[in-house]
């Protein structure tokens, strides 16, 4: 259950914060840039396989390729 502070409202859990951040990244960056960013951050905690499945669910190699191509201009 999230903790609450009177002046800050509700503080989300680390998992909730991570999910929100990934959602923002996915909205504003193509998948290949999200993957590169994650590699740069060298995230050592969590389960990359689960995160990868969430990031790319419903995607195919072809759809990711087309998305990357269109993002390049």
N, C-alpha and C. Protein backbone atom coordinates (compact mmCIF):
# COMPACT_ATOMS: atom_id res chain seq x y z
N UNK A 1 0.84 -1.18 0.00
CA UNK A 1 0.00 0.00 0.00
C UNK A 1 0.89 1.24 0.00
N UNK A 2 0.64 2.22 -0.87
CA UNK A 2 1.45 3.43 -0.92
C UNK A 2 1.39 4.20 0.39
N UNK A 3 2.50 4.85 0.70
CA UNK A 3 2.56 5.68 1.89
C UNK A 3 2.02 7.06 1.54
N UNK A 4 1.47 7.75 2.54
CA UNK A 4 0.95 9.09 2.28
C UNK A 4 1.64 10.10 3.19
N UNK A 5 1.97 11.25 2.65
CA UNK A 5 2.51 12.37 3.40
C UNK A 5 1.55 13.54 3.18
N UNK A 6 1.22 14.28 4.22
CA UNK A 6 0.25 15.36 4.08
C UNK A 6 0.58 16.37 2.98
N UNK A 7 1.84 16.77 2.85
CA UNK A 7 2.17 17.80 1.87
C UNK A 7 2.45 17.24 0.48
N UNK A 8 2.65 15.94 0.35
CA UNK A 8 2.99 15.35 -0.94
C UNK A 8 1.90 14.47 -1.52
N UNK A 9 0.86 14.20 -0.78
CA UNK A 9 -0.17 13.30 -1.28
C UNK A 9 0.32 11.86 -1.17
N UNK A 10 -0.13 11.01 -2.08
CA UNK A 10 0.23 9.60 -2.04
C UNK A 10 1.53 9.36 -2.79
N UNK A 11 2.41 8.60 -2.18
CA UNK A 11 3.68 8.24 -2.81
C UNK A 11 3.52 6.82 -3.37
N UNK A 12 3.77 6.69 -4.67
CA UNK A 12 3.60 5.40 -5.31
C UNK A 12 4.77 4.46 -4.96
N UNK A 13 4.53 3.18 -5.15
CA UNK A 13 5.59 2.19 -4.92
C UNK A 13 6.62 2.31 -6.04
N UNK A 14 7.77 1.68 -5.85
CA UNK A 14 8.79 1.69 -6.90
C UNK A 14 8.26 1.03 -8.17
N UNK A 15 7.49 -0.03 -8.02
CA UNK A 15 6.92 -0.72 -9.18
C UNK A 15 5.96 0.20 -9.94
N UNK A 16 5.11 0.91 -9.21
CA UNK A 16 4.18 1.83 -9.86
C UNK A 16 4.92 2.96 -10.58
N UNK A 17 5.95 3.48 -9.95
CA UNK A 17 6.75 4.53 -10.56
C UNK A 17 7.44 4.03 -11.83
N UNK A 18 7.99 2.82 -11.76
CA UNK A 18 8.66 2.23 -12.92
C UNK A 18 7.66 2.03 -14.06
N UNK A 19 6.49 1.50 -13.76
CA UNK A 19 5.48 1.28 -14.79
C UNK A 19 5.04 2.60 -15.43
N UNK A 20 4.88 3.64 -14.62
CA UNK A 20 4.50 4.94 -15.16
C UNK A 20 5.61 5.50 -16.06
N UNK A 21 6.85 5.36 -15.62
CA UNK A 21 7.98 5.86 -16.42
C UNK A 21 8.06 5.12 -17.75
N UNK A 22 7.90 3.79 -17.73
CA UNK A 22 7.93 3.02 -18.98
C UNK A 22 6.79 3.43 -19.91
N UNK A 23 5.63 3.68 -19.34
CA UNK A 23 4.49 4.10 -20.17
C UNK A 23 4.79 5.44 -20.85
N UNK A 24 5.40 6.36 -20.12
CA UNK A 24 5.76 7.65 -20.70
C UNK A 24 6.80 7.47 -21.79
N UNK A 25 7.82 6.65 -21.51
CA UNK A 25 8.85 6.39 -22.51
C UNK A 25 8.25 5.78 -23.77
N UNK A 26 7.36 4.79 -23.59
CA UNK A 26 6.74 4.12 -24.75
C UNK A 26 5.89 5.08 -25.56
N UNK A 27 5.27 6.07 -24.90
CA UNK A 27 4.44 7.04 -25.61
C UNK A 27 5.28 8.00 -26.44
N UNK A 28 6.49 8.28 -25.99
CA UNK A 28 7.27 9.35 -26.60
C UNK A 28 8.52 8.90 -27.35
N UNK A 29 8.87 7.63 -27.22
CA UNK A 29 10.06 7.11 -27.90
C UNK A 29 9.72 5.82 -28.62
N UNK A 30 10.36 5.57 -29.76
CA UNK A 30 10.18 4.29 -30.42
C UNK A 30 10.85 3.18 -29.59
N UNK A 31 10.40 1.94 -29.75
CA UNK A 31 10.91 0.84 -28.93
C UNK A 31 12.43 0.70 -28.94
N UNK A 32 13.06 0.92 -30.09
CA UNK A 32 14.52 0.74 -30.12
C UNK A 32 15.23 1.78 -29.25
N UNK A 33 14.67 2.97 -29.12
CA UNK A 33 15.28 3.97 -28.25
C UNK A 33 15.04 3.66 -26.77
N UNK A 34 13.87 3.12 -26.46
CA UNK A 34 13.61 2.71 -25.08
C UNK A 34 14.60 1.61 -24.69
N UNK A 35 14.82 0.65 -25.59
CA UNK A 35 15.76 -0.43 -25.31
C UNK A 35 17.17 0.11 -25.12
N UNK A 36 17.58 1.05 -25.96
CA UNK A 36 18.92 1.64 -25.82
C UNK A 36 19.05 2.39 -24.50
N UNK A 37 18.02 3.12 -24.12
CA UNK A 37 18.04 3.85 -22.87
C UNK A 37 18.17 2.91 -21.68
N UNK A 38 17.41 1.82 -21.71
CA UNK A 38 17.50 0.85 -20.64
C UNK A 38 18.91 0.26 -20.54
N UNK A 39 19.52 0.00 -21.70
CA UNK A 39 20.88 -0.52 -21.72
C UNK A 39 21.86 0.51 -21.13
N UNK A 40 21.65 1.77 -21.45
CA UNK A 40 22.51 2.82 -20.90
C UNK A 40 22.38 2.92 -19.38
N UNK A 41 21.16 2.79 -18.90
CA UNK A 41 20.92 2.88 -17.46
C UNK A 41 21.44 1.66 -16.72
N UNK A 42 21.65 0.57 -17.45
CA UNK A 42 22.13 -0.67 -16.85
C UNK A 42 21.30 -1.07 -15.63
N UNK A 43 20.02 -1.17 -15.85
CA UNK A 43 19.12 -1.54 -14.77
C UNK A 43 19.46 -2.94 -14.29
N UNK A 44 19.86 -3.04 -13.03
CA UNK A 44 20.27 -4.33 -12.48
C UNK A 44 19.17 -5.00 -11.67
N UNK A 45 18.13 -4.26 -11.33
CA UNK A 45 17.08 -4.86 -10.54
C UNK A 45 15.87 -5.14 -11.43
N UNK A 46 15.01 -5.96 -10.96
CA UNK A 46 13.83 -6.28 -11.74
C UNK A 46 14.08 -7.46 -12.67
N UNK A 47 13.12 -7.73 -13.48
CA UNK A 47 13.18 -8.88 -14.40
C UNK A 47 13.05 -8.36 -15.82
N UNK A 48 14.17 -8.26 -16.53
CA UNK A 48 14.17 -7.69 -17.88
C UNK A 48 13.23 -8.46 -18.80
N UNK A 49 13.15 -9.78 -18.65
CA UNK A 49 12.30 -10.57 -19.53
C UNK A 49 10.85 -10.13 -19.39
N UNK A 50 10.39 -9.92 -18.16
CA UNK A 50 9.02 -9.45 -17.95
C UNK A 50 8.84 -8.04 -18.49
N UNK A 51 9.83 -7.17 -18.25
CA UNK A 51 9.75 -5.80 -18.76
C UNK A 51 9.75 -5.80 -20.28
N UNK A 52 10.59 -6.65 -20.87
CA UNK A 52 10.66 -6.74 -22.33
C UNK A 52 9.32 -7.20 -22.89
N UNK A 53 8.74 -8.21 -22.25
CA UNK A 53 7.44 -8.69 -22.70
C UNK A 53 6.39 -7.59 -22.62
N UNK A 54 6.44 -6.80 -21.57
CA UNK A 54 5.49 -5.69 -21.42
C UNK A 54 5.74 -4.61 -22.46
N UNK A 55 7.00 -4.29 -22.69
CA UNK A 55 7.35 -3.24 -23.65
C UNK A 55 6.95 -3.59 -25.07
N UNK A 56 7.15 -4.85 -25.44
CA UNK A 56 6.97 -5.24 -26.82
C UNK A 56 5.79 -6.17 -27.05
N UNK A 57 4.86 -6.24 -26.08
CA UNK A 57 3.72 -7.13 -26.26
C UNK A 57 2.91 -6.71 -27.48
N UNK A 58 2.52 -7.67 -28.26
CA UNK A 58 1.75 -7.40 -29.47
C UNK A 58 2.58 -6.95 -30.65
N UNK A 59 3.88 -6.81 -30.45
CA UNK A 59 4.77 -6.38 -31.54
C UNK A 59 5.39 -7.59 -32.22
N UNK A 60 5.69 -7.41 -33.48
CA UNK A 60 6.44 -8.42 -34.22
C UNK A 60 7.74 -7.78 -34.69
N UNK A 61 8.65 -8.58 -35.18
CA UNK A 61 9.89 -8.04 -35.72
C UNK A 61 9.56 -7.05 -36.83
N UNK A 62 8.62 -7.43 -37.69
CA UNK A 62 8.23 -6.55 -38.79
C UNK A 62 7.65 -5.23 -38.30
N UNK A 63 6.77 -5.28 -37.29
CA UNK A 63 6.16 -4.04 -36.81
C UNK A 63 7.20 -3.16 -36.11
N UNK A 64 8.13 -3.76 -35.38
CA UNK A 64 9.19 -2.98 -34.75
C UNK A 64 10.10 -2.36 -35.80
N UNK A 65 10.40 -3.11 -36.85
CA UNK A 65 11.23 -2.59 -37.94
C UNK A 65 10.56 -1.40 -38.59
N UNK A 66 9.27 -1.53 -38.88
CA UNK A 66 8.53 -0.43 -39.52
C UNK A 66 8.47 0.79 -38.59
N UNK A 67 8.28 0.55 -37.31
CA UNK A 67 8.23 1.66 -36.36
C UNK A 67 9.59 2.37 -36.28
N UNK A 68 10.66 1.59 -36.26
CA UNK A 68 12.00 2.18 -36.24
C UNK A 68 12.28 2.96 -37.52
N UNK A 69 11.86 2.39 -38.65
CA UNK A 69 12.06 3.06 -39.94
C UNK A 69 11.31 4.39 -39.99
N UNK A 70 10.07 4.39 -39.55
CA UNK A 70 9.28 5.62 -39.61
C UNK A 70 9.79 6.66 -38.61
N UNK A 71 10.37 6.22 -37.49
CA UNK A 71 10.90 7.15 -36.50
C UNK A 71 12.15 7.86 -37.00
N UNK A 72 12.83 7.24 -37.96
CA UNK A 72 14.05 7.85 -38.50
C UNK A 72 13.75 8.93 -39.52
N UNK A 73 12.52 9.04 -39.91
CA UNK A 73 12.14 10.12 -40.81
C UNK A 73 11.82 9.65 -42.15
